[in-house]
Amino acid sequence: MNRNCNLILIPVILILAGCATLQPVREVTTKATNALILYEELPVTYQQFCEDRCQFTLARKNQIVRDSAIDCDCKVFRQADQATGRVYRTITAYFKSLSELAAGDLTTVNTKALNETIIEGNFAGLTIEKPTVNAYGALAKIVITAFTEEYRRNKLKQVIESANPSLQVLIPVFQASLKNLTSELEFQKERNYALYNELIRENLNSVEKNRVAREYYEQLNNIKIIEEKIETYSSGLATIAKGHQRLFDNRDKLTGKEFIAGLAEFSGTLQDLITAFRKI
């Protein structure tokens, strides 16, 4: 009886040992997921910029309309938001799944959104080329099939190996999309500078001029905060890409002491970026 119990306990102990040795991988991929979801806190979108431009144009013409969107064509801006969102959801779903896989668990990722596609084209300055479309499809397929087909810890190496090429294509595209948003913010700063310079030269008393100046600097500060958030988030993406490359390069020794020490440094960098983002 005792012998049978021992035979049962041996594989259980081995499974627990495997979980323990891959815990650093789980921690760092969880941290990457936490950094990625900060995207949902960025207060800007392509469509918002499009609508703002339309409203600004109407205001400059002293026109009041019931719906500023009626004559405002924001289709390509919406498409840019959709493409960026799909890339974001796929990358995030991958890291969430990788974290659970490292823990030896099946994932509970909602794969419905990953069945969406992106197409080639130029959308409000965001260029989607064929390699990006292919990389998106490949990574989405890995998340949908590999993780839902009950891959376990012994598949971690293969998943990292398969996903890395696509990930290294998609993250720079994600960063390029964020850079486009920053360029739009720079445009807003220049536009506001010209507008408020005109206002300050109007026949206003000192109180009114002070109010105009305060409004200008308040808007300027708000834009700078958003720019800083985008810059910090983009730095996080670069760190995540570098970290996954490290996972790929060391996929044959995921439990090695030197590799685990490197993961701790990577995890710390991500936590610093998350903290910095929250403080902005």
Protein backbone atom coordinates (compact mmCIF):
# COMPACT_ATOMS: atom_id res chain seq x y z
CA MET A 1 0.00 0.00 0.00
CA ASN A 2 2.76 2.42 0.95
CA ARG A 3 4.64 1.51 -2.18
CA ASN A 4 1.62 2.34 -4.33
CA CYS A 5 1.22 5.65 -2.57
CA ASN A 6 4.87 6.44 -3.22
CA LEU A 7 4.44 5.65 -6.90
CA ILE A 8 1.55 8.09 -7.03
CA LEU A 9 3.44 10.79 -5.16
CA ILE A 10 6.53 10.69 -7.38
CA PRO A 11 4.92 12.26 -10.49
CA VAL A 12 3.10 14.77 -8.29
CA ILE A 13 6.39 15.87 -6.76
CA LEU A 14 7.96 16.13 -10.20
CA ILE A 15 5.09 18.30 -11.41
CA LEU A 16 5.41 20.60 -8.41
CA ALA A 17 9.17 20.82 -8.94
CA GLY A 18 8.57 21.79 -12.57
CA CYS A 19 6.19 24.54 -11.50
CA ALA A 20 8.76 25.86 -9.05
CA THR A 21 11.62 25.98 -11.54
CA LEU A 22 9.52 27.82 -14.11
CA GLN A 23 8.12 30.29 -11.59
CA PRO A 24 10.56 33.07 -12.70
CA VAL A 25 9.30 32.68 -16.28
CA ARG A 26 5.73 32.94 -15.08
CA GLU A 27 6.49 36.02 -12.99
CA VAL A 28 8.21 37.89 -15.80
CA THR A 29 5.51 37.06 -18.37
CA THR A 30 2.85 38.14 -15.89
CA LYS A 31 4.72 41.41 -15.40
CA ALA A 32 4.84 41.84 -19.18
CA THR A 33 1.06 41.33 -19.32
CA ASN A 34 0.55 43.93 -16.58
CA ALA A 35 2.69 46.40 -18.51
CA LEU A 36 0.86 45.73 -21.78
CA ILE A 37 -2.65 46.34 -20.39
CA LEU A 38 -1.66 49.90 -19.47
CA TYR A 39 -2.47 50.61 -23.11
CA GLU A 40 -6.11 50.72 -22.09
CA GLU A 41 -5.34 53.71 -19.87
CA LEU A 42 -3.88 55.85 -22.66
CA PRO A 43 -6.42 58.68 -23.09
CA VAL A 44 -6.00 59.15 -26.86
CA THR A 45 -7.11 57.41 -30.05
CA TYR A 46 -6.82 58.11 -33.75
CA GLN A 47 -10.55 58.75 -34.01
CA GLN A 48 -10.44 61.26 -31.16
CA PHE A 49 -7.78 63.21 -33.03
CA CYS A 50 -9.84 63.16 -36.22
CA GLU A 51 -12.96 64.41 -34.47
CA ASP A 52 -10.96 67.07 -32.65
CA ARG A 53 -9.58 68.35 -35.95
CA CYS A 54 -13.06 68.58 -37.41
CA GLN A 55 -14.41 70.44 -34.39
CA PHE A 56 -11.44 72.80 -34.37
CA THR A 57 -12.03 73.64 -38.04
CA LEU A 58 -15.70 74.37 -37.36
CA ALA A 59 -14.79 76.56 -34.39
CA ARG A 60 -12.31 78.56 -36.48
CA LYS A 61 -15.11 79.20 -38.98
CA ASN A 62 -17.47 80.19 -36.16
CA GLN A 63 -19.86 77.43 -37.23
CA ILE A 64 -22.23 75.69 -34.85
CA VAL A 65 -23.70 72.36 -36.01
CA ARG A 66 -25.78 69.71 -34.26
CA ASP A 67 -23.32 66.92 -35.01
CA SER A 68 -19.73 67.70 -35.93
CA ALA A 69 -19.26 64.11 -37.14
CA ILE A 70 -21.74 64.45 -40.03
CA ASP A 71 -19.20 66.01 -42.41
CA CYS A 72 -16.20 64.51 -40.66
CA ASP A 73 -14.76 61.46 -42.42
CA CYS A 74 -12.82 59.50 -39.79
CA LYS A 75 -12.97 56.09 -41.47
CA VAL A 76 -9.20 55.61 -41.88
CA PHE A 77 -8.67 56.83 -38.31
CA ARG A 78 -11.11 54.22 -37.00
CA GLN A 79 -9.30 51.58 -39.05
CA ALA A 80 -6.00 52.64 -37.49
CA ASP A 81 -7.54 52.23 -34.02
CA GLN A 82 -8.92 48.82 -34.97
CA ALA A 83 -5.58 47.57 -36.32
CA THR A 84 -3.69 48.86 -33.30
CA GLY A 85 -6.24 47.34 -30.92
CA ARG A 86 -6.05 43.95 -32.57
CA VAL A 87 -2.25 43.89 -32.41
CA TYR A 88 -2.45 44.90 -28.75
CA ARG A 89 -5.00 42.21 -27.85
CA THR A 90 -3.05 39.48 -29.62
CA ILE A 91 0.28 40.33 -27.99
CA THR A 92 -1.38 40.62 -24.57
CA ALA A 93 -3.26 37.33 -24.99
CA TYR A 94 0.01 35.64 -25.92
CA PHE A 95 1.87 36.80 -22.81
CA LYS A 96 -1.09 35.96 -20.57
CA SER A 97 -1.17 32.47 -22.03
CA LEU A 98 2.61 32.10 -21.75
CA SER A 99 2.39 32.99 -18.07
CA GLU A 100 -0.25 30.34 -17.43
CA LEU A 101 1.64 27.81 -19.51
CA ALA A 102 4.76 28.37 -17.41
CA ALA A 103 2.60 27.58 -14.38
CA GLY A 104 1.50 24.32 -15.97
CA ASP A 105 -2.10 25.51 -16.32
CA LEU A 106 -4.42 25.65 -19.28
CA THR A 107 -5.32 29.17 -20.27
CA THR A 108 -8.69 30.81 -20.07
CA VAL A 109 -7.96 33.44 -22.69
CA ASN A 110 -10.96 34.79 -24.58
CA THR A 111 -9.97 33.97 -28.16
CA LYS A 112 -13.02 35.53 -29.79
CA ALA A 113 -11.24 38.81 -30.56
CA LEU A 114 -8.26 36.91 -31.98
CA ASN A 115 -10.42 35.64 -34.85
CA GLU A 116 -10.46 39.20 -36.22
CA THR A 117 -8.10 40.06 -39.07
CA ILE A 118 -6.03 43.04 -40.09
CA ILE A 119 -5.47 44.08 -43.68
CA GLU A 120 -2.69 45.80 -45.60
CA GLY A 121 -2.95 49.53 -46.14
CA ASN A 122 -2.17 52.98 -44.82
CA PHE A 123 -4.56 54.18 -42.15
CA ALA A 124 -4.05 57.74 -40.91
CA GLY A 125 -0.28 57.33 -41.15
CA LEU A 126 -0.23 53.79 -39.73
CA THR A 127 1.17 51.48 -42.41
CA ILE A 128 0.21 47.83 -42.28
CA GLU A 129 2.34 45.73 -44.65
CA LYS A 130 2.10 42.07 -45.62
CA PRO A 131 4.77 40.91 -43.09
CA THR A 132 2.70 42.54 -40.33
CA VAL A 133 -0.49 40.83 -41.52
CA ASN A 134 1.34 37.49 -41.63
CA ALA A 135 2.90 37.99 -38.19
CA TYR A 136 -0.45 38.94 -36.68
CA GLY A 137 -2.11 35.86 -38.14
CA ALA A 138 0.69 33.58 -37.01
CA LEU A 139 0.71 34.85 -33.41
CA ALA A 140 -3.09 34.76 -33.16
CA LYS A 141 -3.04 31.18 -34.41
CA ILE A 142 -0.50 30.20 -31.76
CA VAL A 143 -2.72 31.63 -29.03
CA ILE A 144 -5.92 30.12 -30.43
CA THR A 145 -4.58 26.64 -31.20
CA ALA A 146 -1.45 25.93 -29.19
CA PHE A 147 -2.79 27.09 -25.85
CA THR A 148 -6.29 25.69 -26.26
CA GLU A 149 -4.96 22.29 -27.31
CA GLU A 150 -3.75 21.62 -23.77
CA TYR A 151 -0.09 22.42 -24.22
CA ARG A 152 1.78 21.93 -20.98
CA ARG A 153 5.12 23.05 -19.58
CA ASN A 154 7.05 20.74 -21.87
CA LYS A 155 5.68 22.78 -24.80
CA LEU A 156 6.94 26.11 -23.46
CA LYS A 157 10.12 25.99 -25.51
CA GLN A 158 8.25 25.27 -28.75
CA VAL A 159 5.72 28.04 -28.15
CA ILE A 160 8.43 30.64 -27.45
CA GLU A 161 10.34 29.48 -30.50
CA SER A 162 7.28 29.70 -32.78
CA ALA A 163 6.04 33.05 -31.46
CA ASN A 164 9.26 35.08 -31.33
CA PRO A 165 9.54 35.98 -35.06
CA SER A 166 5.95 37.26 -35.16
CA LEU A 167 6.33 39.11 -31.88
CA GLN A 168 9.47 40.90 -33.08
CA VAL A 169 7.49 42.13 -36.12
CA LEU A 170 4.32 43.19 -34.29
CA ILE A 171 5.84 45.13 -31.40
CA PRO A 172 7.65 47.67 -33.67
CA VAL A 173 4.36 48.19 -35.55
CA PHE A 174 2.64 48.79 -32.22
CA GLN A 175 5.35 51.32 -31.33
CA ALA A 176 4.98 53.02 -34.72
CA SER A 177 1.27 53.46 -34.07
CA LEU A 178 2.02 55.11 -30.74
CA LYS A 179 4.58 57.37 -32.43
CA ASN A 180 1.87 58.53 -34.83
CA LEU A 181 -0.28 59.50 -31.85
CA THR A 182 2.64 61.49 -30.44
CA SER A 183 3.02 63.29 -33.77
CA GLU A 184 -0.64 64.26 -33.58
CA LEU A 185 -0.08 65.66 -30.10
CA GLU A 186 2.81 67.74 -31.43
CA PHE A 187 0.46 69.08 -34.09
CA GLN A 188 -2.03 70.02 -31.37
CA LYS A 189 0.67 71.91 -29.46
CA GLU A 190 1.61 73.94 -32.54
CA ARG A 191 -2.06 74.57 -33.35
CA ASN A 192 -2.78 75.77 -29.83
CA TYR A 193 0.29 77.99 -29.84
CA ALA A 194 -0.90 79.77 -32.99
CA LEU A 195 -4.50 80.06 -31.73
CA TYR A 196 -3.69 81.41 -28.29
CA ASN A 197 -1.17 83.85 -29.72
CA GLU A 198 -3.99 85.27 -31.80
CA LEU A 199 -6.30 85.44 -28.80
CA ILE A 200 -3.74 87.14 -26.55
CA ARG A 201 -3.34 89.91 -29.16
CA GLU A 202 -7.06 90.67 -29.15
CA ASN A 203 -8.40 93.75 -27.41
CA LEU A 204 -8.65 92.08 -23.99
CA ASN A 205 -8.19 93.46 -20.51
CA SER A 206 -5.48 92.08 -18.24
CA VAL A 207 -7.84 89.64 -16.49
CA GLU A 208 -9.02 88.17 -19.79
CA LYS A 209 -5.46 87.89 -21.11
CA ASN A 210 -4.45 86.11 -17.92
CA ARG A 211 -7.33 83.65 -18.36
CA VAL A 212 -6.31 82.97 -21.97
CA ALA A 213 -2.70 82.39 -20.94
CA ARG A 214 -3.72 80.02 -18.13
CA GLU A 215 -5.94 78.02 -20.52
CA TYR A 216 -3.07 77.70 -22.97
CA TYR A 217 -0.59 76.40 -20.38
CA GLU A 218 -3.19 74.06 -18.90
CA GLN A 219 -3.75 72.45 -22.31
CA LEU A 220 -0.01 72.35 -22.92
CA ASN A 221 0.57 70.51 -19.63
CA ASN A 222 -2.22 68.02 -20.40
CA ILE A 223 -0.65 67.22 -23.76
CA LYS A 224 2.79 66.79 -22.20
CA ILE A 225 1.38 64.32 -19.67
CA ILE A 226 -0.15 62.22 -22.46
CA GLU A 227 3.11 62.33 -24.42
CA GLU A 228 5.03 61.16 -21.39
CA LYS A 229 2.59 58.27 -20.85
CA ILE A 230 2.97 57.18 -24.47
CA GLU A 231 6.76 57.42 -24.29
CA THR A 232 6.87 55.36 -21.08
CA TYR A 233 4.53 52.75 -22.52
CA SER A 234 6.58 52.53 -25.71
CA SER A 235 9.71 51.97 -23.61
CA GLY A 236 7.85 49.11 -21.95
CA LEU A 237 7.16 47.56 -25.35
CA ALA A 238 10.85 47.75 -26.22
CA THR A 239 11.70 46.05 -22.93
CA ILE A 240 9.13 43.33 -23.58
CA ALA A 241 10.50 42.67 -27.07
CA LYS A 242 14.02 42.44 -25.68
CA GLY A 243 12.86 40.19 -22.85
CA HIS A 244 11.08 37.78 -25.15
CA GLN A 245 14.18 37.64 -27.36
CA ARG A 246 16.06 36.61 -24.24
CA LEU A 247 13.51 33.87 -23.64
CA PHE A 248 13.97 32.75 -27.23
CA ASP A 249 17.76 32.77 -27.04
CA ASN A 250 17.67 30.74 -23.82
CA ARG A 251 14.73 28.47 -24.63
CA ASP A 252 16.90 25.38 -24.04
CA LYS A 253 17.87 26.49 -20.52
CA LEU A 254 14.80 28.19 -19.08
CA THR A 255 15.67 26.96 -15.59
CA GLY A 256 19.36 27.90 -15.62
CA LYS A 257 20.61 30.03 -12.72
CA GLU A 258 22.23 32.71 -14.88
CA PHE A 259 19.15 32.97 -17.07
CA ILE A 260 16.84 33.25 -14.06
CA ALA A 261 19.05 36.03 -12.66
CA GLY A 262 18.66 37.88 -15.96
CA LEU A 263 14.90 37.47 -15.78
CA ALA A 264 14.87 39.13 -12.38
CA GLU A 265 16.57 42.18 -13.86
CA PHE A 266 14.10 42.24 -16.76
CA SER A 267 11.16 41.92 -14.36
CA GLY A 268 12.52 44.79 -12.26
CA THR A 269 12.82 47.03 -15.31
CA LEU A 270 9.21 46.33 -16.26
CA GLN A 271 8.03 47.10 -12.73
CA ASP A 272 9.92 50.41 -12.81
CA LEU A 273 8.17 51.32 -16.07
CA ILE A 274 4.76 50.36 -14.66
CA THR A 275 5.42 52.48 -11.57
CA ALA A 276 6.63 55.41 -13.68
CA PHE A 277 3.50 55.22 -15.85
CA ARG A 278 1.24 55.25 -12.80
CA LYS A 279 2.98 58.32 -11.38
CA ILE A 280 2.60 60.45 -14.50
